[in-house]
C-alpha cells in the first residue's frame, strides 16, 4: 500500500515538473492574429504575453476605431493563446496522472 502511495506521489511530482516545463515552453509558442482587413496585427505567446503589434497608419487617424480594433483583435488572440495553453497543459497533466479509481479529472 505504501509503495503504491509513494509511486503515486513520485508520479505527481514528475507531472508537476512536466507541467512547469510546458509552461516555460509556451513562452516560445507564438500566436498571430489580425483584424479582418489586416490593418492591425498582433503576436503574442501562448502564455498571453504580447510580443509584437503592427498598426496601419489608417487606424491612427481615428482613436475610437483603433480602440475597437485593439479590443476585438486582442480578445481573439488571447482566446487562441488560452486554447493552446489549456490543451498543452491538459495533455501533459492527463498523461502523467496516476490511475486512481474514481478520479477521472480529465475525462
C-alpha atoms as a PDB file:
ATOM      1  CA  UNK A   1       0.000   0.000   0.000  1.00  0.00           C
ATOM      2  CA  UNK A   2       2.743   2.481   0.948  1.00  0.00           C
ATOM      3  CA  UNK A   3       4.651   1.558  -2.190  1.00  0.00           C
ATOM      4  CA  UNK A   4       1.598   2.492  -4.254  1.00  0.00           C
ATOM      5  CA  UNK A   5       1.240   5.798  -2.442  1.00  0.00           C
ATOM      6  CA  UNK A   6       4.932   6.598  -2.820  1.00  0.00           C
ATOM      7  CA  UNK A   7       4.745   5.695  -6.507  1.00  0.00           C
ATOM      8  CA  UNK A   8       1.752   7.968  -6.990  1.00  0.00           C
ATOM      9  CA  UNK A   9       3.473  10.815  -5.143  1.00  0.00           C
ATOM     10  CA  UNK A  10       6.532  10.426  -7.370  1.00  0.00           C
ATOM     11  CA  UNK A  11       4.340  10.385 -10.461  1.00  0.00           C
ATOM     12  CA  UNK A  12       2.532  13.545  -9.311  1.00  0.00           C
ATOM     13  CA  UNK A  13       5.847  15.331  -8.706  1.00  0.00           C
ATOM     14  CA  UNK A  14       7.068  14.293 -12.146  1.00  0.00           C
ATOM     15  CA  UNK A  15       3.820  15.530 -13.708  1.00  0.00           C
ATOM     16  CA  UNK A  16       4.093  18.863 -11.897  1.00  0.00           C
ATOM     17  CA  UNK A  17       7.623  19.280 -13.275  1.00  0.00           C
ATOM     18  CA  UNK A  18       6.421  18.459 -16.797  1.00  0.00           C
ATOM     19  CA  UNK A  19       3.597  20.998 -16.475  1.00  0.00           C
ATOM     20  CA  UNK A  20       6.084  23.681 -15.386  1.00  0.00           C
ATOM     21  CA  UNK A  21       8.379  22.799 -18.312  1.00  0.00           C
ATOM     22  CA  UNK A  22       5.399  23.038 -20.665  1.00  0.00           C
ATOM     23  CA  UNK A  23       4.511  26.481 -19.298  1.00  0.00           C
ATOM     24  CA  UNK A  24       8.074  27.640 -19.984  1.00  0.00           C
ATOM     25  CA  UNK A  25       7.980  26.181 -23.495  1.00  0.00           C
ATOM     26  CA  UNK A  26       4.710  28.016 -24.179  1.00  0.00           C
ATOM     27  CA  UNK A  27       6.658  31.278 -23.843  1.00  0.00           C
ATOM     28  CA  UNK A  28       8.207  30.365 -27.201  1.00  0.00           C
ATOM     29  CA  UNK A  29       4.953  29.404 -28.962  1.00  0.00           C
ATOM     30  CA  UNK A  30       3.749  32.417 -30.929  1.00  0.00           C
ATOM     31  CA  UNK A  31       0.139  33.162 -31.830  1.00  0.00           C
ATOM     32  CA  UNK A  32      -0.531  35.569 -34.707  1.00  0.00           C
ATOM     33  CA  UNK A  33      -3.849  37.345 -35.065  1.00  0.00           C
ATOM     34  CA  UNK A  34      -5.010  40.182 -37.260  1.00  0.00           C
ATOM     35  CA  UNK A  35      -8.103  42.231 -37.894  1.00  0.00           C
ATOM     36  CA  UNK A  36     -10.317  41.054 -40.733  1.00  0.00           C
ATOM     37  CA  UNK A  37      -8.918  43.752 -43.048  1.00  0.00           C
ATOM     38  CA  UNK A  38      -5.303  43.276 -41.917  1.00  0.00           C
ATOM     39  CA  UNK A  39      -4.904  46.826 -40.567  1.00  0.00           C
ATOM     40  CA  UNK A  40      -3.935  45.546 -37.117  1.00  0.00           C
ATOM     41  CA  UNK A  41      -1.625  42.575 -36.494  1.00  0.00           C
ATOM     42  CA  UNK A  42      -0.775  41.181 -33.078  1.00  0.00           C
ATOM     43  CA  UNK A  43       1.653  38.472 -31.995  1.00  0.00           C
ATOM     44  CA  UNK A  44       1.603  37.020 -28.510  1.00  0.00           C
ATOM     45  CA  UNK A  45       2.911  33.931 -26.761  1.00  0.00           C
ATOM     46  CA  UNK A  46       0.714  31.009 -25.755  1.00  0.00           C
ATOM     47  CA  UNK A  47       1.198  32.367 -22.222  1.00  0.00           C
ATOM     48  CA  UNK A  48      -0.570  35.544 -23.390  1.00  0.00           C
ATOM     49  CA  UNK A  49       2.383  37.937 -23.412  1.00  0.00           C
ATOM     50  CA  UNK A  50       2.211  40.460 -26.264  1.00  0.00           C
ATOM     51  CA  UNK A  51       5.360  40.274 -28.387  1.00  0.00           C
ATOM     52  CA  UNK A  52       4.561  42.481 -31.366  1.00  0.00           C
ATOM     53  CA  UNK A  53       1.887  44.795 -32.700  1.00  0.00           C
ATOM     54  CA  UNK A  54       1.629  46.382 -36.145  1.00  0.00           C
ATOM     55  CA  UNK A  55      -0.853  49.216 -36.642  1.00  0.00           C
ATOM     56  CA  UNK A  56      -1.589  50.523 -40.123  1.00  0.00           C
ATOM     57  CA  UNK A  57      -1.341  54.315 -40.482  1.00  0.00           C
ATOM     58  CA  UNK A  58      -5.030  54.476 -41.453  1.00  0.00           C
ATOM     59  CA  UNK A  59      -6.050  53.421 -37.948  1.00  0.00           C
ATOM     60  CA  UNK A  60      -4.042  56.204 -36.314  1.00  0.00           C
ATOM     61  CA  UNK A  61      -6.439  58.823 -37.673  1.00  0.00           C
ATOM     62  CA  UNK A  62      -9.448  57.546 -35.686  1.00  0.00           C
ATOM     63  CA  UNK A  63      -8.876  56.893 -31.983  1.00  0.00           C
ATOM     64  CA  UNK A  64     -12.254  55.214 -31.448  1.00  0.00           C
ATOM     65  CA  UNK A  65     -11.784  52.878 -34.415  1.00  0.00           C
ATOM     66  CA  UNK A  66      -8.283  51.954 -33.222  1.00  0.00           C
ATOM     67  CA  UNK A  67      -9.610  51.164 -29.746  1.00  0.00           C
ATOM     68  CA  UNK A  68     -12.302  48.922 -31.256  1.00  0.00           C
ATOM     69  CA  UNK A  69      -9.730  47.131 -33.417  1.00  0.00           C
ATOM     70  CA  UNK A  70      -7.433  46.608 -30.430  1.00  0.00           C
ATOM     71  CA  UNK A  71     -10.194  45.180 -28.257  1.00  0.00           C
ATOM     72  CA  UNK A  72     -11.509  42.801 -30.918  1.00  0.00           C
ATOM     73  CA  UNK A  73      -8.144  41.614 -32.190  1.00  0.00           C
ATOM     74  CA  UNK A  74      -6.555  41.255 -28.748  1.00  0.00           C
ATOM     75  CA  UNK A  75      -9.531  39.284 -27.482  1.00  0.00           C
ATOM     76  CA  UNK A  76      -9.319  36.894 -30.456  1.00  0.00           C
ATOM     77  CA  UNK A  77      -5.575  36.458 -29.942  1.00  0.00           C
ATOM     78  CA  UNK A  78      -5.954  35.889 -26.196  1.00  0.00           C
ATOM     79  CA  UNK A  79      -8.676  33.305 -26.812  1.00  0.00           C
ATOM     80  CA  UNK A  80      -6.450  31.409 -29.270  1.00  0.00           C
ATOM     81  CA  UNK A  81      -3.488  31.543 -26.873  1.00  0.00           C
ATOM     82  CA  UNK A  82      -5.638  30.351 -23.974  1.00  0.00           C
ATOM     83  CA  UNK A  83      -6.918  27.409 -26.021  1.00  0.00           C
ATOM     84  CA  UNK A  84      -3.370  26.390 -26.972  1.00  0.00           C
ATOM     85  CA  UNK A  85      -2.147  26.729 -23.393  1.00  0.00           C
ATOM     86  CA  UNK A  86      -5.046  24.767 -21.894  1.00  0.00           C
ATOM     87  CA  UNK A  87      -4.719  21.968 -24.461  1.00  0.00           C
ATOM     88  CA  UNK A  88      -0.967  21.624 -23.921  1.00  0.00           C
ATOM     89  CA  UNK A  89      -1.094  21.652 -20.135  1.00  0.00           C
ATOM     90  CA  UNK A  90      -4.114  19.362 -20.018  1.00  0.00           C
ATOM     91  CA  UNK A  91      -2.376  16.831 -22.262  1.00  0.00           C
ATOM     92  CA  UNK A  92       0.749  16.799 -20.080  1.00  0.00           C
ATOM     93  CA  UNK A  93      -1.248  16.590 -16.855  1.00  0.00           C
ATOM     94  CA  UNK A  94      -3.521  13.827 -18.133  1.00  0.00           C
ATOM     95  CA  UNK A  95      -0.559  11.802 -19.379  1.00  0.00           C
ATOM     96  CA  UNK A  96       1.156  11.950 -16.020  1.00  0.00           C
ATOM     97  CA  UNK A  97      -1.743  11.409 -13.670  1.00  0.00           C
ATOM     98  CA  UNK A  98      -1.729   8.125 -11.772  1.00  0.00           C
ATOM     99  CA  UNK A  99      -4.703   5.875 -12.393  1.00  0.00           C
ATOM    100  CA  UNK A 100      -6.769   6.403  -9.254  1.00  0.00           C
ATOM    101  CA  UNK A 101     -10.220   4.788  -9.343  1.00  0.00           C
ATOM    102  CA  UNK A 102     -12.981   7.379  -9.242  1.00  0.00           C
ATOM    103  CA  UNK A 103     -10.615  10.263 -10.041  1.00  0.00           C
ATOM    104  CA  UNK A 104     -11.335  10.901 -13.712  1.00  0.00           C
ATOM    105  CA  UNK A 105     -10.273  14.555 -13.600  1.00  0.00           C
ATOM    106  CA  UNK A 106      -9.553  14.945 -17.294  1.00  0.00           C
ATOM    107  CA  UNK A 107     -12.347  12.957 -18.918  1.00  0.00           C
END
